[in-house]
Amino acid sequence: MCLAIPGKILEINPEKKTALVDFDGLKQEVIIALLQEPRVGNYVVVHAGYAIEQMNEEKAIEAIEQWKEIAKEQDLDLSDLI
Protein backbone atom coordinates (compact mmCIF):
# COMPACT_ATOMS: atom_id res chain seq x y z
CA MET A 1 0.00 0.00 0.00
CA CYS A 2 1.26 3.45 -0.88
CA LEU A 3 0.36 6.45 1.22
CA ALA A 4 0.48 10.17 0.49
CA ILE A 5 2.80 11.76 3.05
CA PRO A 6 3.68 15.47 3.37
CA GLY A 7 7.29 16.63 3.43
CA LYS A 8 9.36 19.80 3.05
CA ILE A 9 11.45 20.53 -0.04
CA LEU A 10 15.11 21.01 0.95
CA GLU A 11 16.81 21.10 -2.47
CA ILE A 12 15.68 21.14 -6.08
CA ASN A 13 17.45 19.61 -9.06
CA PRO A 14 15.79 21.34 -12.05
CA GLU A 15 17.64 19.24 -14.64
CA LYS A 16 16.27 15.97 -13.24
CA LYS A 17 12.97 17.54 -12.09
CA THR A 18 13.52 16.09 -8.63
CA ALA A 19 13.75 17.44 -5.12
CA LEU A 20 15.23 16.30 -1.86
CA VAL A 21 12.30 16.19 0.54
CA ASP A 22 12.44 15.94 4.34
CA PHE A 23 9.80 13.72 5.92
CA ASP A 24 10.32 14.60 9.59
CA GLY A 25 14.02 13.71 9.46
CA LEU A 26 13.91 11.08 6.72
CA LYS A 27 15.21 12.57 3.46
CA GLN A 28 14.23 11.17 0.08
CA GLU A 29 14.56 12.27 -3.53
CA VAL A 30 11.17 12.63 -5.22
CA ILE A 31 9.98 13.61 -8.69
CA ILE A 32 8.51 17.12 -8.86
CA ALA A 33 7.55 17.19 -12.56
CA LEU A 34 3.82 17.33 -11.69
CA LEU A 35 4.13 20.56 -9.67
CA GLN A 36 3.90 24.14 -10.86
CA GLU A 37 6.68 26.33 -9.47
CA PRO A 38 8.00 24.14 -6.63
CA ARG A 39 10.31 26.05 -4.27
CA VAL A 40 12.73 25.16 -1.50
CA GLY A 41 10.87 25.44 1.79
CA ASN A 42 7.48 24.48 0.34
CA TYR A 43 5.61 21.48 1.67
CA VAL A 44 4.43 18.84 -0.77
CA VAL A 45 2.32 15.70 -0.64
CA VAL A 46 4.27 12.73 -1.99
CA HIS A 47 2.72 9.53 -3.30
CA ALA A 48 4.70 6.68 -4.85
CA GLY A 49 7.80 8.85 -5.28
CA TYR A 50 5.97 11.77 -6.93
CA ALA A 51 5.16 15.12 -5.36
CA ILE A 52 1.50 15.40 -6.37
CA GLU A 53 0.53 18.72 -4.78
CA GLN A 54 1.81 21.56 -2.64
CA MET A 55 0.24 22.38 0.72
CA ASN A 56 0.58 25.09 3.33
CA GLU A 57 2.96 24.61 6.24
CA GLU A 58 0.29 24.52 8.96
CA LYS A 59 -1.69 21.72 7.33
CA ALA A 60 1.49 19.83 6.46
CA ILE A 61 2.77 19.88 10.04
CA GLU A 62 -0.64 18.82 11.32
CA ALA A 63 -0.71 15.91 8.85
CA ILE A 64 2.85 14.85 9.76
CA GLU A 65 1.88 14.76 13.45
CA GLN A 66 -1.15 12.62 12.60
CA TRP A 67 1.00 10.20 10.60
CA LYS A 68 3.47 9.98 13.49
CA GLU A 69 0.60 9.16 15.85
CA ILE A 70 -0.69 6.45 13.50
CA ALA A 71 2.80 4.99 13.20
CA LYS A 72 3.19 4.98 16.99
CA GLU A 73 -0.17 3.24 17.46
CA GLN A 74 0.93 0.57 14.98
CA ASP A 75 4.36 0.25 16.66
CA LEU A 76 6.03 1.54 13.49
CA ASP A 77 8.43 4.34 12.68
CA LEU A 78 7.30 7.10 10.30
CA SER A 79 9.92 5.79 7.85
CA ASP A 80 7.97 2.51 7.69
CA LEU A 81 5.07 4.41 6.13
CA ILE A 82 7.06 6.19 3.46
PDB file of N, CA and C in Angstrom:
ATOM      1  N   MET A   1       0.846  -1.176   0.000  1.00  0.00           N
ATOM      2  CA  MET A   1       0.000   0.000   0.000  1.00  0.00           C
ATOM      3  C   MET A   1       0.887   1.233   0.000  1.00  0.00           C
ATOM      4  N   CYS A   2       0.549   2.180  -0.829  1.00  0.00           N
ATOM      5  CA  CYS A   2       1.262   3.449  -0.882  1.00  0.00           C
ATOM      6  C   CYS A   2       0.411   4.526  -0.226  1.00  0.00           C
ATOM      7  N   LEU A   3       1.051   5.368   0.530  1.00  0.00           N
ATOM      8  CA  LEU A   3       0.364   6.451   1.222  1.00  0.00           C
ATOM      9  C   LEU A   3       0.871   7.783   0.708  1.00  0.00           C
ATOM     10  N   ALA A   4       0.062   8.810   0.844  1.00  0.00           N
ATOM     11  CA  ALA A   4       0.480  10.167   0.490  1.00  0.00           C
ATOM     12  C   ALA A   4       0.924  10.851   1.777  1.00  0.00           C
ATOM     13  N   ILE A   5       2.194  11.197   1.850  1.00  0.00           N
ATOM     14  CA  ILE A   5       2.800  11.761   3.049  1.00  0.00           C
ATOM     15  C   ILE A   5       3.343  13.152   2.733  1.00  0.00           C
ATOM     16  N   PRO A   6       3.120  14.140   3.614  1.00  0.00           N
ATOM     17  CA  PRO A   6       3.679  15.467   3.375  1.00  0.00           C
ATOM     18  C   PRO A   6       5.148  15.553   3.807  1.00  0.00           C
ATOM     19  N   GLY A   7       5.895  16.376   3.091  1.00  0.00           N
ATOM     20  CA  GLY A   7       7.286  16.625   3.427  1.00  0.00           C
ATOM     21  C   GLY A   7       7.697  18.005   2.933  1.00  0.00           C
ATOM     22  N   LYS A   8       8.866  18.457   3.382  1.00  0.00           N
ATOM     23  CA  LYS A   8       9.363  19.798   3.053  1.00  0.00           C
ATOM     24  C   LYS A   8      10.494  19.705   2.039  1.00  0.00           C
ATOM     25  N   ILE A   9      10.407  20.506   0.983  1.00  0.00           N
ATOM     26  CA  ILE A   9      11.452  20.533  -0.038  1.00  0.00           C
ATOM     27  C   ILE A   9      12.704  21.201   0.529  1.00  0.00           C
ATOM     28  N   LEU A  10      13.830  20.482   0.465  1.00  0.00           N
ATOM     29  CA  LEU A  10      15.111  21.006   0.947  1.00  0.00           C
ATOM     30  C   LEU A  10      15.989  21.506  -0.196  1.00  0.00           C
ATOM     31  N   GLU A  11      15.987  20.768  -1.300  1.00  0.00           N
ATOM     32  CA  GLU A  11      16.812  21.098  -2.465  1.00  0.00           C
ATOM     33  C   GLU A  11      16.033  20.722  -3.721  1.00  0.00           C
ATOM     34  N   ILE A  12      16.311  21.447  -4.803  1.00  0.00           N
ATOM     35  CA  ILE A  12      15.678  21.140  -6.083  1.00  0.00           C
ATOM     36  C   ILE A  12      16.761  20.921  -7.130  1.00  0.00           C
ATOM     37  N   ASN A  13      16.590  19.870  -7.923  1.00  0.00           N
ATOM     38  CA  ASN A  13      17.453  19.608  -9.062  1.00  0.00           C
ATOM     39  C   ASN A  13      16.609  19.824 -10.318  1.00  0.00           C
ATOM     40  N   PRO A  14      16.666  21.037 -10.909  1.00  0.00           N
ATOM     41  CA  PRO A  14      15.788  21.335 -12.052  1.00  0.00           C
ATOM     42  C   PRO A  14      16.075  20.485 -13.293  1.00  0.00           C
ATOM     43  N   GLU A  15      17.320  20.048 -13.484  1.00  0.00           N
ATOM     44  CA  GLU A  15      17.641  19.236 -14.645  1.00  0.00           C
ATOM     45  C   GLU A  15      16.940  17.879 -14.585  1.00  0.00           C
ATOM     46  N   LYS A  16      16.907  17.278 -13.410  1.00  0.00           N
ATOM     47  CA  LYS A  16      16.274  15.974 -13.240  1.00  0.00           C
ATOM     48  C   LYS A  16      14.797  16.079 -12.855  1.00  0.00           C
ATOM     49  N   LYS A  17      14.338  17.308 -12.569  1.00  0.00           N
ATOM     50  CA  LYS A  17      12.967  17.537 -12.089  1.00  0.00           C
ATOM     51  C   LYS A  17      12.680  16.715 -10.834  1.00  0.00           C
ATOM     52  N   THR A  18      13.665  16.771  -9.913  1.00  0.00           N
ATOM     53  CA  THR A  18      13.523  16.090  -8.633  1.00  0.00           C
ATOM     54  C   THR A  18      13.815  17.067  -7.506  1.00  0.00           C
ATOM     55  N   ALA A  19      13.453  16.645  -6.311  1.00  0.00           N
ATOM     56  CA  ALA A  19      13.746  17.444  -5.122  1.00  0.00           C
ATOM     57  C   ALA A  19      14.104  16.513  -3.979  1.00  0.00           C
ATOM     58  N   LEU A  20      14.957  16.994  -3.099  1.00  0.00           N
ATOM     59  CA  LEU A  20      15.233  16.305  -1.858  1.00  0.00           C
ATOM     60  C   LEU A  20      14.187  16.785  -0.870  1.00  0.00           C
ATOM     61  N   VAL A  21      13.402  15.858  -0.342  1.00  0.00           N
ATOM     62  CA  VAL A  21      12.296  16.195   0.540  1.00  0.00           C
ATOM     63  C   VAL A  21      12.541  15.588   1.917  1.00  0.00           C
ATOM     64  N   ASP A  22      12.270  16.370   2.947  1.00  0.00           N
ATOM     65  CA  ASP A  22      12.441  15.944   4.339  1.00  0.00           C
ATOM     66  C   ASP A  22      11.087  15.527   4.905  1.00  0.00           C
ATOM     67  N   PHE A  23      10.985  14.266   5.278  1.00  0.00           N
ATOM     68  CA  PHE A  23       9.796  13.722   5.924  1.00  0.00           C
ATOM     69  C   PHE A  23      10.108  13.536   7.407  1.00  0.00           C
ATOM     70  N   ASP A  24      10.063  14.637   8.154  1.00  0.00           N
ATOM     71  CA  ASP A  24      10.325  14.604   9.595  1.00  0.00           C
ATOM     72  C   ASP A  24      11.639  13.901   9.922  1.00  0.00           C
ATOM     73  N   GLY A  25      12.692  14.252   9.198  1.00  0.00           N
ATOM     74  CA  GLY A  25      14.021  13.705   9.461  1.00  0.00           C
ATOM     75  C   GLY A  25      14.479  12.673   8.447  1.00  0.00           C
ATOM     76  N   LEU A  26      13.563  12.034   7.762  1.00  0.00           N
ATOM     77  CA  LEU A  26      13.905  11.083   6.715  1.00  0.00           C
ATOM     78  C   LEU A  26      13.924  11.832   5.394  1.00  0.00           C
ATOM     79  N   LYS A  27      15.058  11.823   4.718  1.00  0.00           N
ATOM     80  CA  LYS A  27      15.206  12.569   3.462  1.00  0.00           C
ATOM     81  C   LYS A  27      15.156  11.610   2.285  1.00  0.00           C
ATOM     82  N   GLN A  28      14.395  12.018   1.257  1.00  0.00           N
ATOM     83  CA  GLN A  28      14.229  11.170   0.084  1.00  0.00           C
ATOM     84  C   GLN A  28      14.115  12.039  -1.157  1.00  0.00           C
ATOM     85  N   GLU A  29      14.689  11.565  -2.255  1.00  0.00           N
ATOM     86  CA  GLU A  29      14.558  12.265  -3.525  1.00  0.00           C
ATOM     87  C   GLU A  29      13.227  11.873  -4.160  1.00  0.00           C
ATOM     88  N   VAL A  30      12.463  12.874  -4.601  1.00  0.00           N
ATOM     89  CA  VAL A  30      11.167  12.628  -5.222  1.00  0.00           C
ATOM     90  C   VAL A  30      11.075  13.399  -6.542  1.00  0.00           C
ATOM     91  N   ILE A  31      10.199  12.955  -7.403  1.00  0.00           N
ATOM     92  CA  ILE A  31       9.980  13.607  -8.693  1.00  0.00           C
ATOM     93  C   ILE A  31       9.003  14.760  -8.490  1.00  0.00           C
ATOM     94  N   ILE A  32       9.354  15.929  -9.027  1.00  0.00           N
ATOM     95  CA  ILE A  32       8.513  17.120  -8.860  1.00  0.00           C
ATOM     96  C   ILE A  32       7.934  17.603 -10.188  1.00  0.00           C
ATOM     97  N   ALA A  33       7.990  16.794 -11.223  1.00  0.00           N
ATOM     98  CA  ALA A  33       7.548  17.195 -12.561  1.00  0.00           C
ATOM     99  C   ALA A  33       6.067  17.549 -12.618  1.00  0.00           C
ATOM    100  N   LEU A  34       5.264  17.069 -11.682  1.00  0.00           N
ATOM    101  CA  LEU A  34       3.825  17.331 -11.691  1.00  0.00           C
ATOM    102  C   LEU A  34       3.449  18.657 -11.039  1.00  0.00           C
ATOM    103  N   LEU A  35       4.412  19.320 -10.413  1.00  0.00           N
ATOM    104  CA  LEU A  35       4.135  20.556  -9.674  1.00  0.00           C
ATOM    105  C   LEU A  35       4.405  21.790 -10.520  1.00  0.00           C
ATOM    106  N   GLN A  36       3.632  22.835 -10.256  1.00  0.00           N
ATOM    107  CA  GLN A  36       3.899  24.135 -10.865  1.00  0.00           C
ATOM    108  C   GLN A  36       4.685  24.972  -9.860  1.00  0.00           C
ATOM    109  N   GLU A  37       5.833  25.441 -10.266  1.00  0.00           N
ATOM    110  CA  GLU A  37       6.678  26.326  -9.473  1.00  0.00           C
ATOM    111  C   GLU A  37       7.005  25.813  -8.063  1.00  0.00           C
ATOM    112  N   PRO A  38       7.564  24.605  -7.946  1.00  0.00           N
ATOM    113  CA  PRO A  38       8.003  24.144  -6.626  1.00  0.00           C
ATOM    114  C   PRO A  38       9.172  24.994  -6.138  1.00  0.00           C
ATOM    115  N   ARG A  39       9.236  25.234  -4.853  1.00  0.00           N
ATOM    116  CA  ARG A  39      10.306  26.046  -4.268  1.00  0.00           C
ATOM    117  C   ARG A  39      10.842  25.387  -3.002  1.00  0.00           C
ATOM    118  N   VAL A  40      12.120  25.616  -2.751  1.00  0.00           N
ATOM    119  CA  VAL A  40      12.725  25.163  -1.503  1.00  0.00           C
ATOM    120  C   VAL A  40      11.945  25.795  -0.348  1.00  0.00           C
ATOM    121  N   GLY A  41      11.633  24.976   0.638  1.00  0.00           N
ATOM    122  CA  GLY A  41      10.871  25.438   1.793  1.00  0.00           C
ATOM    123  C   GLY A  41       9.390  25.132   1.707  1.00  0.00           C
ATOM    124  N   ASN A  42       8.889  24.836   0.500  1.00  0.00           N
ATOM    125  CA  ASN A  42       7.482  24.477   0.339  1.00  0.00           C
ATOM    126  C   ASN A  42       7.240  23.060   0.847  1.00  0.00           C
ATOM    127  N   TYR A  43       6.028  22.822   1.288  1.00  0.00           N
ATOM    128  CA  TYR A  43       5.608  21.478   1.669  1.00  0.00           C
ATOM    129  C   TYR A  43       4.848  20.858   0.510  1.00  0.00           C
ATOM    130  N   VAL A  44       5.080  19.568   0.303  1.00  0.00           N
ATOM    131  CA  VAL A  44       4.432  18.838  -0.775  1.00  0.00           C
ATOM    132  C   VAL A  44       3.876  17.521  -0.250  1.00  0.00           C
ATOM    133  N   VAL A  45       2.856  17.024  -0.915  1.00  0.00           N
ATOM    134  CA  VAL A  45       2.318  15.703  -0.636  1.00  0.00           C
ATOM    135  C   VAL A  45       2.951  14.754  -1.634  1.00  0.00           C
ATOM    136  N   VAL A  46       3.540  13.671  -1.135  1.00  0.00           N
ATOM    137  CA  VAL A  46       4.267  12.728  -1.986  1.00  0.00           C
ATOM    138  C   VAL A  46       3.561  11.374  -1.962  1.00  0.00           C
ATOM    139  N   HIS A  47       3.347  10.846  -3.152  1.00  0.00           N
ATOM    140  CA  HIS A  47       2.724   9.535  -3.299  1.00  0.00           C
ATOM    141  C   HIS A  47       3.519   8.744  -4.325  1.00  0.00           C
ATOM    142  N   ALA A  48       3.972   7.585  -3.949  1.00  0.00           N
ATOM    143  CA  ALA A  48       4.700   6.680  -4.849  1.00  0.00           C
ATOM    144  C   ALA A  48       5.901   7.353  -5.517  1.00  0.00           C
ATOM    145  N   GLY A  49       6.589   8.218  -4.766  1.00  0.00           N
ATOM    146  CA  GLY A  49       7.795   8.854  -5.283  1.00  0.00           C
ATOM    147  C   GLY A  49       7.573  10.134  -6.061  1.00  0.00           C
ATOM    148  N   TYR A  50       6.312  10.539  -6.211  1.00  0.00           N
ATOM    149  CA  TYR A  50       5.974  11.766  -6.935  1.00  0.00           C
ATOM    150  C   TYR A  50       5.358  12.785  -5.988  1.00  0.00           C
ATOM    151  N   ALA A  51       5.828  14.017  -6.060  1.00  0.00           N
ATOM    152  CA  ALA A  51       5.165  15.115  -5.362  1.00  0.00           C
ATOM    153  C   ALA A  51       3.927  15.436  -6.188  1.00  0.00           C
ATOM    154  N   ILE A  52       2.741  15.258  -5.596  1.00  0.00           N
ATOM    155  CA  ILE A  52       1.505  15.400  -6.373  1.00  0.00           C
ATOM    156  C   ILE A  52       0.781  16.719  -6.114  1.00  0.00           C
ATOM    157  N   GLU A  53       1.113  17.398  -5.017  1.00  0.00           N
ATOM    158  CA  GLU A  53       0.535  18.721  -4.784  1.00  0.00           C
ATOM    159  C   GLU A  53       1.317  19.441  -3.690  1.00  0.00           C
ATOM    160  N   GLN A  54       1.191  20.752  -3.679  1.00  0.00           N
ATOM    161  CA  GLN A  54       1.809  21.560  -2.637  1.00  0.00           C
ATOM    162  C   GLN A  54       0.751  21.878  -1.591  1.00  0.00           C
ATOM    163  N   MET A  55       1.178  22.060  -0.358  1.00  0.00           N
ATOM    164  CA  MET A  55       0.241  22.379   0.721  1.00  0.00           C
ATOM    165  C   MET A  55       0.865  23.401   1.656  1.00  0.00           C
ATOM    166  N   ASN A  56       0.032  24.085   2.426  1.00  0.00           N
ATOM    167  CA  ASN A  56       0.578  25.089   3.330  1.00  0.00           C
ATOM    168  C   ASN A  56       1.235  24.419   4.539  1.00  0.00           C
ATOM    169  N   GLU A  57       2.141  25.151   5.151  1.00  0.00           N
ATOM    170  CA  GLU A  57       2.958  24.610   6.245  1.00  0.00           C
ATOM    171  C   GLU A  57       2.118  24.125   7.415  1.00  0.00           C
ATOM    172  N   GLU A  58       1.113  24.887   7.799  1.00  0.00           N
ATOM    173  CA  GLU A  58       0.291  24.523   8.964  1.00  0.00           C
ATOM    174  C   GLU A  58      -0.392  23.171   8.760  1.00  0.00           C
ATOM    175  N   LYS A  59      -1.014  22.987   7.611  1.00  0.00           N
ATOM    176  CA  LYS A  59      -1.694  21.721   7.326  1.00  0.00           C
ATOM    177  C   LYS A  59      -0.696  20.570   7.184  1.00  0.00           C
ATOM    178  N   ALA A  60       0.465  20.861   6.620  1.00  0.00           N
ATOM    179  CA  ALA A  60       1.489  19.826   6.463  1.00  0.00           C
ATOM    180  C   ALA A  60       1.992  19.342   7.814  1.00  0.00           C
ATOM    181  N   ILE A  61       2.283  20.268   8.712  1.00  0.00           N
ATOM    182  CA  ILE A  61       2.774  19.884  10.041  1.00  0.00           C
ATOM    183  C   ILE A  61       1.711  19.107  10.793  1.00  0.00           C
ATOM    184  N   GLU A  62       0.466  19.534  10.673  1.00  0.00           N
ATOM    185  CA  GLU A  62      -0.641  18.816  11.317  1.00  0.00           C
ATOM    186  C   GLU A  62      -0.741  17.391  10.776  1.00  0.00           C
ATOM    187  N   ALA A  63      -0.636  17.234   9.470  1.00  0.00           N
ATOM    188  CA  ALA A  63      -0.708  15.908   8.851  1.00  0.00           C
ATOM    189  C   ALA A  63       0.480  15.036   9.270  1.00  0.00           C
ATOM    190  N   ILE A  64       1.671  15.611   9.331  1.00  0.00           N
ATOM    191  CA  ILE A  64       2.850  14.853   9.762  1.00  0.00           C
ATOM    192  C   ILE A  64       2.654  14.341  11.188  1.00  0.00           C
ATOM    193  N   GLU A  65       2.136  15.186  12.056  1.00  0.00           N
ATOM    194  CA  GLU A  65       1.883  14.763  13.446  1.00  0.00           C
ATOM    195  C   GLU A  65       0.862  13.630  13.486  1.00  0.00           C
ATOM    196  N   GLN A  66      -0.158  13.694  12.644  1.00  0.00           N
ATOM    197  CA  GLN A  66      -1.152  12.622  12.598  1.00  0.00           C
ATOM    198  C   GLN A  66      -0.526  11.320  12.111  1.00  0.00           C
ATOM    199  N   TRP A  67       0.329  11.408  11.090  1.00  0.00           N
ATOM    200  CA  TRP A  67       1.003  10.205  10.601  1.00  0.00           C
ATOM    201  C   TRP A  67       1.923   9.612  11.663  1.00  0.00           C
ATOM    202  N   LYS A  68       2.604  10.475  12.415  1.00  0.00           N
ATOM    203  CA  LYS A  68       3.474   9.984  13.489  1.00  0.00           C
ATOM    204  C   LYS A  68       2.652   9.265  14.549  1.00  0.00           C
ATOM    205  N   GLU A  69       1.482   9.786  14.861  1.00  0.00           N
ATOM    206  CA  GLU A  69       0.603   9.156  15.848  1.00  0.00           C
ATOM    207  C   GLU A  69       0.120   7.791  15.347  1.00  0.00           C
ATOM    208  N   ILE A  70      -0.265   7.724  14.087  1.00  0.00           N
ATOM    209  CA  ILE A  70      -0.695   6.452  13.499  1.00  0.00           C
ATOM    210  C   ILE A  70       0.447   5.437  13.543  1.00  0.00           C
ATOM    211  N   ALA A  71       1.642   5.879  13.177  1.00  0.00           N
ATOM    212  CA  ALA A  71       2.803   4.987  13.202  1.00  0.00           C
ATOM    213  C   ALA A  71       3.058   4.478  14.621  1.00  0.00           C
ATOM    214  N   LYS A  72       2.960   5.368  15.594  1.00  0.00           N
ATOM    215  CA  LYS A  72       3.195   4.976  16.991  1.00  0.00           C
ATOM    216  C   LYS A  72       2.164   3.953  17.440  1.00  0.00           C
ATOM    217  N   GLU A  73       0.894   4.175  17.087  1.00  0.00           N
ATOM    218  CA  GLU A  73      -0.170   3.241  17.459  1.00  0.00           C
ATOM    219  C   GLU A  73       0.057   1.862  16.848  1.00  0.00           C
ATOM    220  N   GLN A  74       0.673   1.828  15.676  1.00  0.00           N
ATOM    221  CA  GLN A  74       0.933   0.569  14.978  1.00  0.00           C
ATOM    222  C   GLN A  74       2.320   0.003  15.312  1.00  0.00           C
ATOM    223  N   ASP A  75       3.005   0.637  16.267  1.00  0.00           N
ATOM    224  CA  ASP A  75       4.365   0.246  16.661  1.00  0.00           C
ATOM    225  C   ASP A  75       5.315   0.267  15.470  1.00  0.00           C
ATOM    226  N   LEU A  76       5.188   1.344  14.659  1.00  0.00           N
ATOM    227  CA  LEU A  76       6.030   1.538  13.488  1.00  0.00           C
ATOM    228  C   LEU A  76       6.766   2.871  13.624  1.00  0.00           C
ATOM    229  N   ASP A  77       7.749   3.063  12.817  1.00  0.00           N
ATOM    230  CA  ASP A  77       8.427   4.338  12.680  1.00  0.00           C
ATOM    231  C   ASP A  77       7.814   5.034  11.470  1.00  0.00           C
ATOM    232  N   LEU A  78       7.839   6.374  11.447  1.00  0.00           N
ATOM    233  CA  LEU A  78       7.298   7.095  10.304  1.00  0.00           C
ATOM    234  C   LEU A  78       7.949   6.628   9.003  1.00  0.00           C
ATOM    235  N   SER A  79       9.218   6.257   9.068  1.00  0.00           N
ATOM    236  CA  SER A  79       9.924   5.788   7.853  1.00  0.00           C
ATOM    237  C   SER A  79       9.315   4.490   7.317  1.00  0.00           C
ATOM    238  N   ASP A  80       8.634   3.726   8.151  1.00  0.00           N
ATOM    239  CA  ASP A  80       7.974   2.508   7.688  1.00  0.00           C
ATOM    240  C   ASP A  80       6.781   2.806   6.793  1.00  0.00           C
ATOM    241  N   LEU A  81       6.237   4.016   6.915  1.00  0.00           N
ATOM    242  CA  LEU A  81       5.066   4.406   6.135  1.00  0.00           C
ATOM    243  C   LEU A  81       5.410   5.059   4.820  1.00  0.00           C
ATOM    244  N   ILE A  82       6.661   5.478   4.666  1.00  0.00           N
ATOM    245  CA  ILE A  82       7.058   6.195   3.456  1.00  0.00           C
ATOM    246  C   ILE A  82       7.567   5.229   2.406  1.00  0.00           C
TER     247      ILE A  82
END
